[in-house]
């Protein structure tokens, strides 16, 4: 089995729905009635498979580089953008950011949801996304700069002005 040129065994990736995982190997599998070569990706809590042929779409991306991480973290220094007052419009923005998987877009949404919750309660879904994006950011940050998650969490709290 040959690995895709974009990703290799041992690479850390970010999946738009499942989060951060590491490619462990490729496997021939039949999923959803389709036999193909898949990357077996392991996260802290689960395993998922990504078709090798589909790795060029936006479902997965490589772990951010240190410069991409800095750019994303700098978005927290900018004023928050006001979230739409209409729940359906906010939900649409959240779904677009989830589908895009960009660290910068996730950080901007994280910033904006955090600011919104200062003035009004978030819905259960919005709170869940806020917590998920924060955990994903901390995990990616930790892996990107090779720091323990506890230290990254402290730096994040300082960035938010809560440390």
N, C-alpha and C. Protein backbone atom coordinates (compact mmCIF):
# COMPACT_ATOMS: atom_id res chain seq x y z
N UNK A 1 0.83 -1.18 0.00
CA UNK A 1 0.00 0.00 0.00
C UNK A 1 0.88 1.25 0.00
N UNK A 2 0.55 2.20 -0.85
CA UNK A 2 1.30 3.45 -0.90
C UNK A 2 0.52 4.55 -0.20
N UNK A 3 1.26 5.42 0.44
CA UNK A 3 0.62 6.53 1.13
C UNK A 3 0.46 7.71 0.19
N UNK A 4 -0.57 8.47 0.41
CA UNK A 4 -0.84 9.70 -0.30
C UNK A 4 0.34 10.66 -0.13
N UNK A 5 0.66 11.46 -1.15
CA UNK A 5 1.79 12.37 -1.09
C UNK A 5 1.57 13.50 -0.10
N UNK A 6 0.32 13.85 0.17
CA UNK A 6 0.01 14.95 1.08
C UNK A 6 0.25 14.55 2.52
N UNK A 7 -0.10 13.34 2.87
CA UNK A 7 0.00 12.86 4.25
C UNK A 7 0.76 11.54 4.30
N UNK A 8 1.41 11.31 5.42
CA UNK A 8 2.18 10.09 5.62
C UNK A 8 1.88 9.51 6.99
N UNK A 9 2.24 8.25 7.14
CA UNK A 9 2.13 7.58 8.42
C UNK A 9 2.85 8.42 9.47
N UNK A 10 2.19 8.63 10.61
CA UNK A 10 2.76 9.41 11.70
C UNK A 10 2.38 10.88 11.70
N UNK A 11 1.81 11.37 10.58
CA UNK A 11 1.41 12.78 10.52
C UNK A 11 0.22 13.05 11.43
N UNK A 12 0.24 14.23 12.04
CA UNK A 12 -0.92 14.72 12.77
C UNK A 12 -1.81 15.45 11.77
N UNK A 13 -3.11 15.21 11.85
CA UNK A 13 -4.07 15.89 10.97
C UNK A 13 -5.22 16.44 11.81
N UNK A 14 -5.93 17.37 11.20
CA UNK A 14 -7.14 17.93 11.82
C UNK A 14 -8.30 17.61 10.90
N UNK A 15 -9.27 16.87 11.41
CA UNK A 15 -10.47 16.53 10.65
C UNK A 15 -11.56 17.54 11.01
N UNK A 16 -12.35 17.95 10.02
CA UNK A 16 -13.35 18.99 10.26
C UNK A 16 -14.41 18.59 11.28
N UNK A 17 -14.64 17.33 11.50
CA UNK A 17 -15.64 16.89 12.49
C UNK A 17 -15.03 16.13 13.67
N UNK A 18 -14.01 15.32 13.42
CA UNK A 18 -13.48 14.44 14.47
C UNK A 18 -12.33 15.04 15.26
N UNK A 19 -11.78 16.15 14.78
CA UNK A 19 -10.71 16.80 15.52
C UNK A 19 -9.33 16.32 15.11
N UNK A 20 -8.42 16.33 16.08
CA UNK A 20 -7.01 16.05 15.82
C UNK A 20 -6.69 14.59 16.05
N UNK A 21 -6.01 14.01 15.09
CA UNK A 21 -5.60 12.61 15.21
C UNK A 21 -4.29 12.40 14.48
N UNK A 22 -3.77 11.19 14.66
CA UNK A 22 -2.50 10.84 14.02
C UNK A 22 -2.73 9.68 13.07
N UNK A 23 -2.20 9.81 11.86
CA UNK A 23 -2.29 8.73 10.88
C UNK A 23 -1.38 7.60 11.34
N UNK A 24 -1.97 6.41 11.53
CA UNK A 24 -1.18 5.27 12.00
C UNK A 24 -0.79 4.33 10.87
N UNK A 25 -1.67 4.18 9.89
CA UNK A 25 -1.38 3.29 8.75
C UNK A 25 -2.50 3.44 7.72
N UNK A 26 -2.33 2.73 6.60
CA UNK A 26 -3.41 2.64 5.63
C UNK A 26 -3.98 1.23 5.71
N UNK A 27 -5.25 1.13 5.37
CA UNK A 27 -5.93 -0.16 5.38
C UNK A 27 -6.88 -0.22 4.19
N UNK A 28 -6.99 -1.39 3.61
CA UNK A 28 -8.03 -1.62 2.60
C UNK A 28 -9.31 -1.94 3.37
N UNK A 29 -10.35 -1.17 3.14
CA UNK A 29 -11.60 -1.35 3.87
C UNK A 29 -12.78 -1.17 2.93
N UNK A 30 -13.90 -1.72 3.37
CA UNK A 30 -15.17 -1.45 2.71
C UNK A 30 -16.00 -0.64 3.70
N UNK A 31 -16.17 0.63 3.39
CA UNK A 31 -16.99 1.52 4.22
C UNK A 31 -18.05 2.15 3.32
N UNK A 32 -19.27 2.18 3.81
CA UNK A 32 -20.40 2.72 3.03
C UNK A 32 -20.47 2.04 1.66
N UNK A 33 -20.17 0.75 1.63
CA UNK A 33 -20.25 -0.02 0.39
C UNK A 33 -19.14 0.24 -0.61
N UNK A 34 -18.14 1.01 -0.21
CA UNK A 34 -17.06 1.36 -1.13
C UNK A 34 -15.75 0.77 -0.64
N UNK A 35 -15.12 -0.06 -1.49
CA UNK A 35 -13.81 -0.61 -1.13
C UNK A 35 -12.75 0.37 -1.61
N UNK A 36 -11.88 0.73 -0.70
CA UNK A 36 -10.82 1.69 -1.04
C UNK A 36 -9.73 1.62 0.02
N UNK A 37 -8.68 2.38 -0.24
CA UNK A 37 -7.59 2.50 0.72
C UNK A 37 -7.91 3.68 1.63
N UNK A 38 -7.80 3.43 2.93
CA UNK A 38 -8.14 4.45 3.93
C UNK A 38 -6.97 4.68 4.87
N UNK A 39 -6.83 5.93 5.32
CA UNK A 39 -5.93 6.21 6.43
C UNK A 39 -6.65 5.84 7.71
N UNK A 40 -5.98 5.09 8.57
CA UNK A 40 -6.51 4.84 9.92
C UNK A 40 -5.95 5.97 10.79
N UNK A 41 -6.85 6.78 11.34
CA UNK A 41 -6.46 7.94 12.13
C UNK A 41 -6.94 7.71 13.57
N UNK A 42 -6.01 7.84 14.51
CA UNK A 42 -6.34 7.62 15.91
C UNK A 42 -6.30 8.95 16.66
N UNK A 43 -7.37 9.21 17.43
CA UNK A 43 -7.42 10.37 18.31
C UNK A 43 -7.27 9.86 19.74
N UNK A 44 -7.33 10.77 20.70
CA UNK A 44 -7.24 10.35 22.10
C UNK A 44 -8.39 9.41 22.47
N UNK A 45 -9.55 9.61 21.84
CA UNK A 45 -10.75 8.89 22.26
C UNK A 45 -11.34 7.94 21.22
N UNK A 46 -10.85 8.00 19.99
CA UNK A 46 -11.50 7.17 18.97
C UNK A 46 -10.56 6.90 17.80
N UNK A 47 -11.13 6.20 16.83
CA UNK A 47 -10.44 5.90 15.57
C UNK A 47 -11.41 6.26 14.45
N UNK A 48 -10.88 6.86 13.39
CA UNK A 48 -11.71 7.08 12.20
C UNK A 48 -10.87 6.82 10.97
N UNK A 49 -11.54 6.65 9.84
CA UNK A 49 -10.86 6.36 8.58
C UNK A 49 -11.19 7.45 7.57
N UNK A 50 -10.18 7.83 6.80
CA UNK A 50 -10.34 8.83 5.75
C UNK A 50 -9.86 8.22 4.46
N UNK A 51 -10.71 8.24 3.42
CA UNK A 51 -10.25 7.70 2.14
C UNK A 51 -9.00 8.44 1.66
N UNK A 52 -7.97 7.70 1.29
CA UNK A 52 -6.71 8.29 0.83
C UNK A 52 -6.97 9.20 -0.37
N UNK A 53 -7.89 8.80 -1.24
CA UNK A 53 -8.20 9.59 -2.44
C UNK A 53 -8.82 10.94 -2.11
N UNK A 54 -9.44 11.08 -0.94
CA UNK A 54 -10.18 12.30 -0.62
C UNK A 54 -9.42 13.25 0.29
N UNK A 55 -8.14 13.05 0.45
CA UNK A 55 -7.40 13.89 1.40
C UNK A 55 -7.09 15.28 0.85
N UNK A 56 -7.38 15.53 -0.40
CA UNK A 56 -7.12 16.87 -0.95
C UNK A 56 -8.32 17.78 -0.78
N UNK A 57 -9.43 17.27 -0.26
CA UNK A 57 -10.56 18.15 -0.01
C UNK A 57 -10.41 18.77 1.37
N UNK A 58 -11.37 19.56 1.78
CA UNK A 58 -11.21 20.30 3.04
C UNK A 58 -11.66 19.51 4.27
N UNK A 59 -11.92 18.21 4.14
CA UNK A 59 -12.31 17.43 5.32
C UNK A 59 -11.18 17.30 6.32
N UNK A 60 -9.94 17.25 5.82
CA UNK A 60 -8.79 17.18 6.72
C UNK A 60 -7.74 18.18 6.26
N UNK A 61 -6.91 18.55 7.21
CA UNK A 61 -5.79 19.44 6.91
C UNK A 61 -4.63 19.04 7.81
N UNK A 62 -3.42 19.44 7.43
CA UNK A 62 -2.28 19.16 8.31
C UNK A 62 -2.37 20.02 9.57
N UNK A 63 -1.65 19.62 10.58
CA UNK A 63 -1.52 20.43 11.79
C UNK A 63 -0.94 21.79 11.39
N UNK A 64 -1.37 22.85 12.03
CA UNK A 64 -0.89 24.19 11.69
C UNK A 64 0.60 24.34 11.95
N UNK A 65 1.21 25.19 11.17
CA UNK A 65 2.61 25.54 11.40
C UNK A 65 2.66 26.57 12.53
N UNK A 66 3.84 26.77 13.13
CA UNK A 66 3.95 27.82 14.16
C UNK A 66 3.50 29.20 13.68
N UNK A 67 3.80 29.55 12.43
CA UNK A 67 3.38 30.87 11.92
C UNK A 67 1.86 30.93 11.74
N UNK A 68 1.24 29.85 11.29
CA UNK A 68 -0.22 29.82 11.19
C UNK A 68 -0.85 29.92 12.58
N UNK A 69 -0.25 29.25 13.54
CA UNK A 69 -0.74 29.31 14.92
C UNK A 69 -0.65 30.75 15.44
N UNK A 70 0.47 31.43 15.23
CA UNK A 70 0.63 32.82 15.68
C UNK A 70 -0.43 33.72 15.06
N UNK A 71 -0.66 33.55 13.75
CA UNK A 71 -1.68 34.36 13.07
C UNK A 71 -3.06 34.12 13.69
N UNK A 72 -3.38 32.86 13.94
CA UNK A 72 -4.68 32.53 14.53
C UNK A 72 -4.80 33.11 15.94
N UNK A 73 -3.75 32.98 16.74
CA UNK A 73 -3.79 33.50 18.11
C UNK A 73 -3.86 35.03 18.12
N UNK A 74 -3.25 35.67 17.13
CA UNK A 74 -3.33 37.13 17.04
C UNK A 74 -4.76 37.62 16.81
N UNK A 75 -5.61 36.77 16.27
CA UNK A 75 -7.01 37.18 16.05
C UNK A 75 -7.71 37.49 17.37
N UNK A 76 -7.22 36.95 18.47
CA UNK A 76 -7.81 37.23 19.78
C UNK A 76 -7.50 38.65 20.25
N UNK A 77 -6.49 39.27 19.65
CA UNK A 77 -6.13 40.64 20.02
C UNK A 77 -7.02 41.66 19.33
N UNK A 78 -7.74 41.23 18.29
CA UNK A 78 -8.65 42.11 17.56
C UNK A 78 -10.02 42.12 18.22
N UNK A 79 -10.76 43.21 18.06
CA UNK A 79 -12.11 43.24 18.64
C UNK A 79 -12.98 42.13 18.04
N UNK A 80 -13.85 41.60 18.87
CA UNK A 80 -14.77 40.55 18.41
C UNK A 80 -15.74 41.13 17.39
N UNK A 81 -16.13 40.28 16.45
CA UNK A 81 -17.19 40.65 15.51
C UNK A 81 -18.52 40.24 16.14
N UNK A 82 -19.50 41.09 16.01
CA UNK A 82 -20.81 40.81 16.60
C UNK A 82 -21.44 39.62 15.89
N UNK A 83 -21.90 38.69 16.70
CA UNK A 83 -22.61 37.53 16.15
C UNK A 83 -24.02 37.96 15.75
N UNK A 84 -24.58 37.32 14.74
CA UNK A 84 -25.93 37.64 14.29
C UNK A 84 -26.92 37.44 15.43
N UNK A 85 -27.96 38.25 15.45
CA UNK A 85 -28.98 38.09 16.51
C UNK A 85 -29.88 36.89 16.22
N UNK A 86 -29.97 36.52 14.96
CA UNK A 86 -30.80 35.39 14.56
C UNK A 86 -30.03 34.08 14.77
N UNK A 87 -30.64 33.16 15.52
CA UNK A 87 -29.98 31.88 15.84
C UNK A 87 -29.62 31.10 14.58
N UNK A 88 -30.52 31.07 13.61
CA UNK A 88 -30.25 30.29 12.38
C UNK A 88 -29.04 30.85 11.63
N UNK A 89 -28.87 32.16 11.63
CA UNK A 89 -27.71 32.77 10.97
C UNK A 89 -26.43 32.44 11.74
N UNK A 90 -26.51 32.45 13.07
CA UNK A 90 -25.33 32.07 13.86
C UNK A 90 -24.99 30.62 13.61
N UNK A 91 -25.99 29.75 13.57
CA UNK A 91 -25.79 28.32 13.33
C UNK A 91 -25.15 28.09 11.95
N UNK A 92 -25.58 28.87 10.96
CA UNK A 92 -25.02 28.74 9.63
C UNK A 92 -23.53 29.11 9.63
N UNK A 93 -23.17 30.19 10.33
CA UNK A 93 -21.76 30.56 10.42
C UNK A 93 -20.96 29.46 11.10
N UNK A 94 -21.49 28.91 12.18
CA UNK A 94 -20.81 27.84 12.90
C UNK A 94 -20.58 26.64 11.97
N UNK A 95 -21.60 26.24 11.23
CA UNK A 95 -21.46 25.10 10.31
C UNK A 95 -20.43 25.38 9.22
N UNK A 96 -20.39 26.61 8.71
CA UNK A 96 -19.40 26.96 7.69
C UNK A 96 -17.98 26.86 8.25
N UNK A 97 -17.79 27.31 9.49
CA UNK A 97 -16.46 27.25 10.10
C UNK A 97 -16.06 25.80 10.37
N UNK A 98 -17.01 24.99 10.84
CA UNK A 98 -16.73 23.57 11.07
C UNK A 98 -16.31 22.90 9.76
N UNK A 99 -17.03 23.17 8.70
CA UNK A 99 -16.74 22.55 7.41
C UNK A 99 -15.41 23.03 6.84
N UNK A 100 -15.04 24.27 7.09
CA UNK A 100 -13.81 24.83 6.54
C UNK A 100 -12.58 24.28 7.23
N UNK A 101 -12.63 24.12 8.54
CA UNK A 101 -11.55 23.53 9.33
C UNK A 101 -10.32 24.42 9.51
N UNK A 102 -10.35 25.65 9.03
CA UNK A 102 -9.22 26.57 9.18
C UNK A 102 -9.05 26.97 10.64
N UNK A 103 -7.82 26.90 11.14
CA UNK A 103 -7.56 27.30 12.51
C UNK A 103 -7.88 28.77 12.72
N UNK A 104 -7.53 29.61 11.76
CA UNK A 104 -7.82 31.04 11.88
C UNK A 104 -9.32 31.29 11.99
N UNK A 105 -10.12 30.66 11.13
CA UNK A 105 -11.57 30.85 11.19
C UNK A 105 -12.14 30.33 12.51
N UNK A 106 -11.60 29.21 13.00
CA UNK A 106 -12.08 28.67 14.28
C UNK A 106 -11.75 29.62 15.42
N UNK A 107 -10.55 30.20 15.40
CA UNK A 107 -10.17 31.14 16.46
C UNK A 107 -11.04 32.39 16.43
N UNK A 108 -11.33 32.90 15.25
CA UNK A 108 -12.20 34.07 15.16
C UNK A 108 -13.60 33.76 15.69
N UNK A 109 -14.12 32.58 15.37
CA UNK A 109 -15.43 32.21 15.89
C UNK A 109 -15.36 32.00 17.40
N UNK A 110 -14.31 31.40 17.87
CA UNK A 110 -14.11 31.21 19.31
C UNK A 110 -14.09 32.57 20.02
N UNK A 111 -13.36 33.52 19.46
CA UNK A 111 -13.31 34.89 20.01
C UNK A 111 -14.70 35.52 20.03
N UNK A 112 -15.43 35.38 18.93
CA UNK A 112 -16.74 36.02 18.81
C UNK A 112 -17.78 35.38 19.71
N UNK A 113 -17.76 34.05 19.82
CA UNK A 113 -18.69 33.38 20.74
C UNK A 113 -18.37 33.71 22.19
N UNK A 114 -17.07 33.79 22.52
CA UNK A 114 -16.67 34.16 23.88
C UNK A 114 -17.17 35.55 24.23
N UNK A 115 -17.05 36.48 23.29
CA UNK A 115 -17.53 37.85 23.53
C UNK A 115 -19.05 37.87 23.65
N UNK A 116 -19.73 37.09 22.83
CA UNK A 116 -21.19 37.07 22.88
C UNK A 116 -21.69 36.56 24.22
N UNK A 117 -21.01 35.56 24.76
CA UNK A 117 -21.48 34.98 26.02
C UNK A 117 -21.30 35.94 27.20
N UNK A 118 -20.51 37.00 27.01
CA UNK A 118 -20.37 38.01 28.05
C UNK A 118 -21.64 38.85 28.18
N UNK A 119 -22.42 38.92 27.11
CA UNK A 119 -23.63 39.76 27.12
C UNK A 119 -24.93 38.97 27.11
N UNK A 120 -24.89 37.73 26.65
CA UNK A 120 -26.10 36.90 26.65
C UNK A 120 -25.72 35.43 26.69
N UNK A 121 -26.58 34.62 27.26
CA UNK A 121 -26.26 33.19 27.33
C UNK A 121 -26.21 32.55 25.93
N UNK A 122 -25.28 31.63 25.77
CA UNK A 122 -25.19 30.86 24.53
C UNK A 122 -26.20 29.73 24.58
N UNK A 123 -26.64 29.28 23.41
CA UNK A 123 -27.48 28.09 23.36
C UNK A 123 -26.61 26.89 23.72
N UNK A 124 -27.24 25.77 23.98
CA UNK A 124 -26.48 24.55 24.29
C UNK A 124 -25.54 24.20 23.14
N UNK A 125 -26.01 24.31 21.90
CA UNK A 125 -25.18 24.01 20.73
C UNK A 125 -24.01 24.95 20.61
N UNK A 126 -24.24 26.24 20.85
CA UNK A 126 -23.16 27.22 20.77
C UNK A 126 -22.13 26.98 21.87
N UNK A 127 -22.59 26.67 23.06
CA UNK A 127 -21.68 26.38 24.18
C UNK A 127 -20.84 25.14 23.86
N UNK A 128 -21.48 24.14 23.27
CA UNK A 128 -20.76 22.92 22.90
C UNK A 128 -19.67 23.22 21.87
N UNK A 129 -19.99 24.05 20.88
CA UNK A 129 -19.01 24.43 19.85
C UNK A 129 -17.88 25.25 20.49
N UNK A 130 -18.23 26.17 21.38
CA UNK A 130 -17.22 26.97 22.06
C UNK A 130 -16.24 26.07 22.81
N UNK A 131 -16.76 25.12 23.57
CA UNK A 131 -15.91 24.20 24.32
C UNK A 131 -15.08 23.32 23.39
N UNK A 132 -15.70 22.80 22.33
CA UNK A 132 -14.99 21.95 21.36
C UNK A 132 -13.85 22.72 20.70
N UNK A 133 -14.14 23.92 20.20
CA UNK A 133 -13.11 24.70 19.51
C UNK A 133 -11.99 25.09 20.46
N UNK A 134 -12.32 25.40 21.70
CA UNK A 134 -11.28 25.73 22.67
C UNK A 134 -10.38 24.52 22.92
N UNK A 135 -10.99 23.35 23.11
CA UNK A 135 -10.19 22.13 23.34
C UNK A 135 -9.34 21.78 22.12
N UNK A 136 -9.89 21.92 20.93
CA UNK A 136 -9.12 21.65 19.71
C UNK A 136 -7.97 22.64 19.55
N UNK A 137 -8.23 23.92 19.85
CA UNK A 137 -7.17 24.92 19.77
C UNK A 137 -6.04 24.58 20.73
N UNK A 138 -6.38 24.26 21.96
CA UNK A 138 -5.36 23.96 22.96
C UNK A 138 -4.56 22.72 22.56
N UNK A 139 -5.24 21.71 22.05
CA UNK A 139 -4.55 20.49 21.63
C UNK A 139 -3.62 20.77 20.45
N UNK A 140 -4.11 21.50 19.45
CA UNK A 140 -3.28 21.80 18.28
C UNK A 140 -2.11 22.70 18.67
N UNK A 141 -2.35 23.67 19.52
CA UNK A 141 -1.31 24.58 20.00
C UNK A 141 -0.22 23.77 20.71
N UNK A 142 -0.64 22.87 21.59
CA UNK A 142 0.29 22.04 22.34
C UNK A 142 1.17 21.21 21.40
N UNK A 143 0.56 20.57 20.41
CA UNK A 143 1.32 19.75 19.47
C UNK A 143 2.21 20.60 18.57
N UNK A 144 1.71 21.75 18.17
CA UNK A 144 2.43 22.62 17.23
C UNK A 144 3.72 23.17 17.82
N UNK A 145 3.69 23.54 19.11
CA UNK A 145 4.88 24.14 19.72
C UNK A 145 5.53 23.23 20.75
N UNK A 146 5.02 22.01 20.84
CA UNK A 146 5.58 20.99 21.73
C UNK A 146 5.65 21.47 23.19
N UNK A 147 4.50 21.94 23.69
CA UNK A 147 4.37 22.35 25.09
C UNK A 147 3.28 21.51 25.75
N UNK A 148 3.41 21.29 27.05
CA UNK A 148 2.34 20.55 27.74
C UNK A 148 1.02 21.34 27.69
N UNK A 149 -0.07 20.62 27.61
CA UNK A 149 -1.39 21.23 27.49
C UNK A 149 -1.67 22.18 28.65
N UNK A 150 -1.18 21.85 29.84
CA UNK A 150 -1.40 22.71 31.01
C UNK A 150 -0.76 24.08 30.80
N UNK A 151 0.43 24.11 30.25
CA UNK A 151 1.11 25.38 29.98
C UNK A 151 0.40 26.17 28.89
N UNK A 152 -0.06 25.47 27.86
CA UNK A 152 -0.79 26.11 26.77
C UNK A 152 -2.09 26.71 27.31
N UNK A 153 -2.77 25.99 28.19
CA UNK A 153 -4.02 26.48 28.79
C UNK A 153 -3.78 27.78 29.56
N UNK A 154 -2.69 27.85 30.30
CA UNK A 154 -2.33 29.08 31.04
C UNK A 154 -2.07 30.24 30.07
N UNK A 155 -1.34 29.96 29.00
CA UNK A 155 -1.06 31.00 28.01
C UNK A 155 -2.35 31.48 27.34
N UNK A 156 -3.27 30.55 27.10
CA UNK A 156 -4.55 30.91 26.48
C UNK A 156 -5.36 31.80 27.43
N UNK A 157 -5.39 31.46 28.70
CA UNK A 157 -6.12 32.28 29.67
C UNK A 157 -5.52 33.69 29.73
N UNK A 158 -4.20 33.79 29.65
CA UNK A 158 -3.56 35.11 29.63
C UNK A 158 -3.92 35.87 28.37
N UNK A 159 -3.97 35.18 27.24
CA UNK A 159 -4.36 35.79 25.98
C UNK A 159 -5.76 36.37 26.05
N UNK A 160 -6.65 35.65 26.74
CA UNK A 160 -8.02 36.11 26.89
C UNK A 160 -8.16 37.17 27.99
N UNK A 161 -7.06 37.40 28.73
CA UNK A 161 -7.12 38.38 29.81
C UNK A 161 -7.75 37.83 31.06
N UNK A 162 -7.76 36.50 31.19
CA UNK A 162 -8.39 35.87 32.35
C UNK A 162 -7.37 35.19 33.26
N UNK A 163 -6.07 35.34 32.93
CA UNK A 163 -5.05 34.61 33.68
C UNK A 163 -4.49 35.40 34.83
